Amino acid sequence: MATAQLSHNTRTLKASKNTIFPSQVTNEHESLVVVKKLFATCISCITYLRGLFPESSYRDRRLDA
């Protein structure tokens, strides 16, 4: 199923203490948080690519390394 992509303004996230995916994980709690974020990102990508929800349900985000 082909879907047309809408052009959205991308929002760049600034590097700060509250980064999406930290470069180092020092304890079990931080590891769990990272795994949950990765899982949510994967599910979002799969549902987007399969066209399960309307385009308006998604927004563009840029995750700087």
PDB file of N, CA and C in Angstrom:
ATOM      1  N   MET A   1       0.842  -1.164   0.000  1.00  0.00           N
ATOM      2  CA  MET A   1       0.000   0.000   0.000  1.00  0.00           C
ATOM      3  C   MET A   1       0.892   1.233   0.000  1.00  0.00           C
ATOM      4  N   ALA A   2       0.740   2.030  -0.999  1.00  0.00           N
ATOM      5  CA  ALA A   2       1.538   3.252  -1.107  1.00  0.00           C
ATOM      6  C   ALA A   2       0.780   4.414  -0.481  1.00  0.00           C
ATOM      7  N   THR A   3       1.496   5.210   0.284  1.00  0.00           N
ATOM      8  CA  THR A   3       0.884   6.410   0.862  1.00  0.00           C
ATOM      9  C   THR A   3       1.742   7.607   0.514  1.00  0.00           C
ATOM     10  N   ALA A   4       1.098   8.688   0.253  1.00  0.00           N
ATOM     11  CA  ALA A   4       1.823   9.927  -0.056  1.00  0.00           C
ATOM     12  C   ALA A   4       2.302  10.540   1.243  1.00  0.00           C
ATOM     13  N   GLN A   5       3.541  11.004   1.258  1.00  0.00           N
ATOM     14  CA  GLN A   5       4.079  11.635   2.453  1.00  0.00           C
ATOM     15  C   GLN A   5       3.757  13.114   2.451  1.00  0.00           C
ATOM     16  N   LEU A   6       3.306  13.595   3.582  1.00  0.00           N
ATOM     17  CA  LEU A   6       3.050  15.015   3.753  1.00  0.00           C
ATOM     18  C   LEU A   6       4.348  15.666   4.189  1.00  0.00           C
ATOM     19  N   SER A   7       4.563  16.884   3.753  1.00  0.00           N
ATOM     20  CA  SER A   7       5.778  17.569   4.187  1.00  0.00           C
ATOM     21  C   SER A   7       5.493  18.256   5.517  1.00  0.00           C
ATOM     22  N   HIS A   8       6.317  17.948   6.489  1.00  0.00           N
ATOM     23  CA  HIS A   8       6.192  18.511   7.831  1.00  0.00           C
ATOM     24  C   HIS A   8       7.475  19.255   8.158  1.00  0.00           C
ATOM     25  N   ASN A   9       7.369  20.232   9.022  1.00  0.00           N
ATOM     26  CA  ASN A   9       8.559  20.903   9.525  1.00  0.00           C
ATOM     27  C   ASN A   9       9.220  19.986  10.536  1.00  0.00           C
ATOM     28  N   THR A  10      10.524  19.765  10.381  1.00  0.00           N
ATOM     29  CA  THR A  10      11.221  18.934  11.351  1.00  0.00           C
ATOM     30  C   THR A  10      11.668  19.794  12.509  1.00  0.00           C
ATOM     31  N   ARG A  11      11.629  19.218  13.656  1.00  0.00           N
ATOM     32  CA  ARG A  11      12.027  19.910  14.867  1.00  0.00           C
ATOM     33  C   ARG A  11      13.306  19.261  15.377  1.00  0.00           C
ATOM     34  N   THR A  12      14.374  20.025  15.434  1.00  0.00           N
ATOM     35  CA  THR A  12      15.656  19.507  15.886  1.00  0.00           C
ATOM     36  C   THR A  12      15.714  19.574  17.400  1.00  0.00           C
ATOM     37  N   LEU A  13      16.084  18.454  18.000  1.00  0.00           N
ATOM     38  CA  LEU A  13      16.208  18.403  19.449  1.00  0.00           C
ATOM     39  C   LEU A  13      17.632  18.781  19.840  1.00  0.00           C
ATOM     40  N   LYS A  14      17.739  19.711  20.747  1.00  0.00           N
ATOM     41  CA  LYS A  14      19.043  20.163  21.208  1.00  0.00           C
ATOM     42  C   LYS A  14      19.624  19.145  22.190  1.00  0.00           C
ATOM     43  N   ALA A  15      20.937  18.969  22.131  1.00  0.00           N
ATOM     44  CA  ALA A  15      21.612  18.072  23.066  1.00  0.00           C
ATOM     45  C   ALA A  15      21.576  18.699  24.448  1.00  0.00           C
ATOM     46  N   SER A  16      21.106  17.943  25.405  1.00  0.00           N
ATOM     47  CA  SER A  16      21.032  18.430  26.776  1.00  0.00           C
ATOM     48  C   SER A  16      21.059  17.227  27.711  1.00  0.00           C
ATOM     49  N   LYS A  17      20.787  17.470  28.967  1.00  0.00           N
ATOM     50  CA  LYS A  17      20.754  16.387  29.935  1.00  0.00           C
ATOM     51  C   LYS A  17      19.624  15.418  29.624  1.00  0.00           C
ATOM     52  N   ASN A  18      18.563  15.877  29.007  1.00  0.00           N
ATOM     53  CA  ASN A  18      17.399  15.049  28.715  1.00  0.00           C
ATOM     54  C   ASN A  18      17.401  14.564  27.272  1.00  0.00           C
ATOM     55  N   THR A  19      18.453  13.886  26.860  1.00  0.00           N
ATOM     56  CA  THR A  19      18.515  13.382  25.496  1.00  0.00           C
ATOM     57  C   THR A  19      17.596  12.178  25.348  1.00  0.00           C
ATOM     58  N   ILE A  20      17.180  11.907  24.125  1.00  0.00           N
ATOM     59  CA  ILE A  20      16.278  10.792  23.874  1.00  0.00           C
ATOM     60  C   ILE A  20      16.960   9.467  24.175  1.00  0.00           C
ATOM     61  N   PHE A  21      18.138   9.257  23.598  1.00  0.00           N
ATOM     62  CA  PHE A  21      18.905   8.038  23.832  1.00  0.00           C
ATOM     63  C   PHE A  21      20.284   8.432  24.352  1.00  0.00           C
ATOM     64  N   PRO A  22      20.553   8.201  25.625  1.00  0.00           N
ATOM     65  CA  PRO A  22      21.842   8.604  26.195  1.00  0.00           C
ATOM     66  C   PRO A  22      22.995   7.788  25.608  1.00  0.00           C
ATOM     67  N   SER A  23      24.193   8.369  25.617  1.00  0.00           N
ATOM     68  CA  SER A  23      25.354   7.670  25.071  1.00  0.00           C
ATOM     69  C   SER A  23      25.874   6.604  26.026  1.00  0.00           C
ATOM     70  N   GLN A  24      25.604   6.749  27.314  1.00  0.00           N
ATOM     71  CA  GLN A  24      26.010   5.748  28.297  1.00  0.00           C
ATOM     72  C   GLN A  24      24.846   5.431  29.216  1.00  0.00           C
ATOM     73  N   VAL A  25      24.711   4.147  29.527  1.00  0.00           N
ATOM     74  CA  VAL A  25      23.694   3.691  30.470  1.00  0.00           C
ATOM     75  C   VAL A  25      24.438   3.116  31.656  1.00  0.00           C
ATOM     76  N   THR A  26      24.179   3.669  32.854  1.00  0.00           N
ATOM     77  CA  THR A  26      24.978   3.292  34.014  1.00  0.00           C
ATOM     78  C   THR A  26      24.280   2.360  34.991  1.00  0.00           C
ATOM     79  N   ASN A  27      22.961   2.224  34.890  1.00  0.00           N
ATOM     80  CA  ASN A  27      22.292   1.322  35.829  1.00  0.00           C
ATOM     81  C   ASN A  27      21.095   0.641  35.167  1.00  0.00           C
ATOM     82  N   GLU A  28      20.474  -0.238  35.910  1.00  0.00           N
ATOM     83  CA  GLU A  28      19.374  -1.049  35.380  1.00  0.00           C
ATOM     84  C   GLU A  28      18.157  -0.205  35.009  1.00  0.00           C
ATOM     85  N   HIS A  29      17.857   0.802  35.810  1.00  0.00           N
ATOM     86  CA  HIS A  29      16.702   1.658  35.527  1.00  0.00           C
ATOM     87  C   HIS A  29      16.887   2.418  34.207  1.00  0.00           C
ATOM     88  N   GLU A  30      18.064   2.994  33.988  1.00  0.00           N
ATOM     89  CA  GLU A  30      18.333   3.698  32.732  1.00  0.00           C
ATOM     90  C   GLU A  30      18.250   2.746  31.546  1.00  0.00           C
ATOM     91  N   SER A  31      18.720   1.523  31.736  1.00  0.00           N
ATOM     92  CA  SER A  31      18.654   0.520  30.672  1.00  0.00           C
ATOM     93  C   SER A  31      17.204   0.213  30.313  1.00  0.00           C
ATOM     94  N   LEU A  32      16.363   0.066  31.318  1.00  0.00           N
ATOM     95  CA  LEU A  32      14.950  -0.207  31.088  1.00  0.00           C
ATOM     96  C   LEU A  32      14.281   0.942  30.337  1.00  0.00           C
ATOM     97  N   VAL A  33      14.610   2.173  30.693  1.00  0.00           N
ATOM     98  CA  VAL A  33      14.040   3.344  30.024  1.00  0.00           C
ATOM     99  C   VAL A  33      14.448   3.375  28.548  1.00  0.00           C
ATOM    100  N   VAL A  34      15.710   3.084  28.264  1.00  0.00           N
ATOM    101  CA  VAL A  34      16.184   3.074  26.877  1.00  0.00           C
ATOM    102  C   VAL A  34      15.474   2.000  26.072  1.00  0.00           C
ATOM    103  N   VAL A  35      15.322   0.804  26.649  1.00  0.00           N
ATOM    104  CA  VAL A  35      14.642  -0.287  25.944  1.00  0.00           C
ATOM    105  C   VAL A  35      13.185   0.082  25.665  1.00  0.00           C
ATOM    106  N   LYS A  36      12.513   0.712  26.615  1.00  0.00           N
ATOM    107  CA  LYS A  36      11.126   1.131  26.401  1.00  0.00           C
ATOM    108  C   LYS A  36      11.015   2.161  25.278  1.00  0.00           C
ATOM    109  N   LYS A  37      11.960   3.106  25.237  1.00  0.00           N
ATOM    110  CA  LYS A  37      11.941   4.122  24.183  1.00  0.00           C
ATOM    111  C   LYS A  37      12.203   3.496  22.816  1.00  0.00           C
ATOM    112  N   LEU A  38      13.147   2.555  22.753  1.00  0.00           N
ATOM    113  CA  LEU A  38      13.428   1.867  21.493  1.00  0.00           C
ATOM    114  C   LEU A  38      12.221   1.063  21.024  1.00  0.00           C
ATOM    115  N   PHE A  39      11.562   0.389  21.950  1.00  0.00           N
ATOM    116  CA  PHE A  39      10.375  -0.390  21.609  1.00  0.00           C
ATOM    117  C   PHE A  39       9.268   0.505  21.060  1.00  0.00           C
ATOM    118  N   ALA A  40       9.031   1.641  21.719  1.00  0.00           N
ATOM    119  CA  ALA A  40       7.999   2.573  21.252  1.00  0.00           C
ATOM    120  C   ALA A  40       8.342   3.118  19.871  1.00  0.00           C
ATOM    121  N   THR A  41       9.622   3.408  19.634  1.00  0.00           N
ATOM    122  CA  THR A  41      10.058   3.903  18.335  1.00  0.00           C
ATOM    123  C   THR A  41       9.838   2.853  17.255  1.00  0.00           C
ATOM    124  N   CYS A  42      10.161   1.609  17.561  1.00  0.00           N
ATOM    125  CA  CYS A  42       9.975   0.517  16.587  1.00  0.00           C
ATOM    126  C   CYS A  42       8.506   0.317  16.245  1.00  0.00           C
ATOM    127  N   ILE A  43       7.659   0.308  17.253  1.00  0.00           N
ATOM    128  CA  ILE A  43       6.224   0.137  17.008  1.00  0.00           C
ATOM    129  C   ILE A  43       5.689   1.291  16.173  1.00  0.00           C
ATOM    130  N   SER A  44       6.127   2.503  16.463  1.00  0.00           N
ATOM    131  CA  SER A  44       5.692   3.657  15.695  1.00  0.00           C
ATOM    132  C   SER A  44       6.109   3.531  14.229  1.00  0.00           C
ATOM    133  N   CYS A  45       7.342   3.110  13.999  1.00  0.00           N
ATOM    134  CA  CYS A  45       7.825   2.946  12.614  1.00  0.00           C
ATOM    135  C   CYS A  45       7.026   1.879  11.866  1.00  0.00           C
ATOM    136  N   ILE A  46       6.764   0.768  12.524  1.00  0.00           N
ATOM    137  CA  ILE A  46       6.017  -0.321  11.876  1.00  0.00           C
ATOM    138  C   ILE A  46       4.601   0.126  11.532  1.00  0.00           C
ATOM    139  N   THR A  47       3.924   0.775  12.472  1.00  0.00           N
ATOM    140  CA  THR A  47       2.551   1.202  12.194  1.00  0.00           C
ATOM    141  C   THR A  47       2.507   2.266  11.103  1.00  0.00           C
ATOM    142  N   TYR A  48       3.532   3.129  11.054  1.00  0.00           N
ATOM    143  CA  TYR A  48       3.591   4.151  10.007  1.00  0.00           C
ATOM    144  C   TYR A  48       3.792   3.506   8.639  1.00  0.00           C
ATOM    145  N   LEU A  49       4.755   2.606   8.546  1.00  0.00           N
ATOM    146  CA  LEU A  49       5.064   1.975   7.261  1.00  0.00           C
ATOM    147  C   LEU A  49       3.919   1.106   6.754  1.00  0.00           C
ATOM    148  N   ARG A  50       3.171   0.507   7.639  1.00  0.00           N
ATOM    149  CA  ARG A  50       2.032  -0.325   7.233  1.00  0.00           C
ATOM    150  C   ARG A  50       0.757   0.482   7.009  1.00  0.00           C
ATOM    151  N   GLY A  51       0.790   1.751   7.330  1.00  0.00           N
ATOM    152  CA  GLY A  51      -0.365   2.615   7.102  1.00  0.00           C
ATOM    153  C   GLY A  51      -1.546   2.289   7.995  1.00  0.00           C
ATOM    154  N   LEU A  52      -1.288   1.901   9.234  1.00  0.00           N
ATOM    155  CA  LEU A  52      -2.359   1.505  10.145  1.00  0.00           C
ATOM    156  C   LEU A  52      -3.126   2.685  10.730  1.00  0.00           C
ATOM    157  N   PHE A  53      -2.492   3.839  10.789  1.00  0.00           N
ATOM    158  CA  PHE A  53      -3.125   5.035  11.326  1.00  0.00           C
ATOM    159  C   PHE A  53      -2.996   6.152  10.299  1.00  0.00           C
ATOM    160  N   PRO A  54      -3.846   7.178  10.379  1.00  0.00           N
ATOM    161  CA  PRO A  54      -3.748   8.288   9.419  1.00  0.00           C
ATOM    162  C   PRO A  54      -2.450   9.072   9.605  1.00  0.00           C
ATOM    163  N   GLU A  55      -2.031   9.733   8.544  1.00  0.00           N
ATOM    164  CA  GLU A  55      -0.789  10.524   8.557  1.00  0.00           C
ATOM    165  C   GLU A  55      -0.775  11.560   9.676  1.00  0.00           C
ATOM    166  N   SER A  56      -1.939  12.087  10.009  1.00  0.00           N
ATOM    167  CA  SER A  56      -1.994  13.132  11.032  1.00  0.00           C
ATOM    168  C   SER A  56      -1.637  12.600  12.428  1.00  0.00           C
ATOM    169  N   SER A  57      -1.542  11.289  12.582  1.00  0.00           N
ATOM    170  CA  SER A  57      -1.180  10.702  13.867  1.00  0.00           C
ATOM    171  C   SER A  57       0.317  10.758  14.142  1.00  0.00           C
ATOM    172  N   TYR A  58       1.093  11.123  13.130  1.00  0.00           N
ATOM    173  CA  TYR A  58       2.550  11.103  13.243  1.00  0.00           C
ATOM    174  C   TYR A  58       3.114  12.496  13.033  1.00  0.00           C
ATOM    175  N   ARG A  59       4.325  12.700  13.546  1.00  0.00           N
ATOM    176  CA  ARG A  59       5.039  13.942  13.309  1.00  0.00           C
ATOM    177  C   ARG A  59       6.510  13.607  13.109  1.00  0.00           C
ATOM    178  N   ASP A  60       7.209  14.461  12.402  1.00  0.00           N
ATOM    179  CA  ASP A  60       8.625  14.255  12.154  1.00  0.00           C
ATOM    180  C   ASP A  60       9.430  14.743  13.349  1.00  0.00           C
ATOM    181  N   ARG A  61      10.444  13.955  13.713  1.00  0.00           N
ATOM    182  CA  ARG A  61      11.372  14.348  14.770  1.00  0.00           C
ATOM    183  C   ARG A  61      12.762  13.965  14.324  1.00  0.00           C
ATOM    184  N   ARG A  62      13.709  14.785  14.626  1.00  0.00           N
ATOM    185  CA  ARG A  62      15.101  14.496  14.298  1.00  0.00           C
ATOM    186  C   ARG A  62      15.833  14.225  15.608  1.00  0.00           C
ATOM    187  N   LEU A  63      16.449  13.076  15.682  1.00  0.00           N
ATOM    188  CA  LEU A  63      17.202  12.708  16.872  1.00  0.00           C
ATOM    189  C   LEU A  63      18.680  12.863  16.563  1.00  0.00           C
ATOM    190  N   ASP A  64      19.270  13.920  17.091  1.00  0.00           N
ATOM    191  CA  ASP A  64      20.693  14.164  16.854  1.00  0.00           C
ATOM    192  C   ASP A  64      21.534  13.250  17.730  1.00  0.00           C
ATOM    193  N   ALA A  65      22.609  12.765  17.157  1.00  0.00           N
ATOM    194  CA  ALA A  65      23.484  11.850  17.893  1.00  0.00           C
ATOM    195  C   ALA A  65      24.423  12.554  18.823  1.00  0.00           C
TER     196      ALA A  65
END
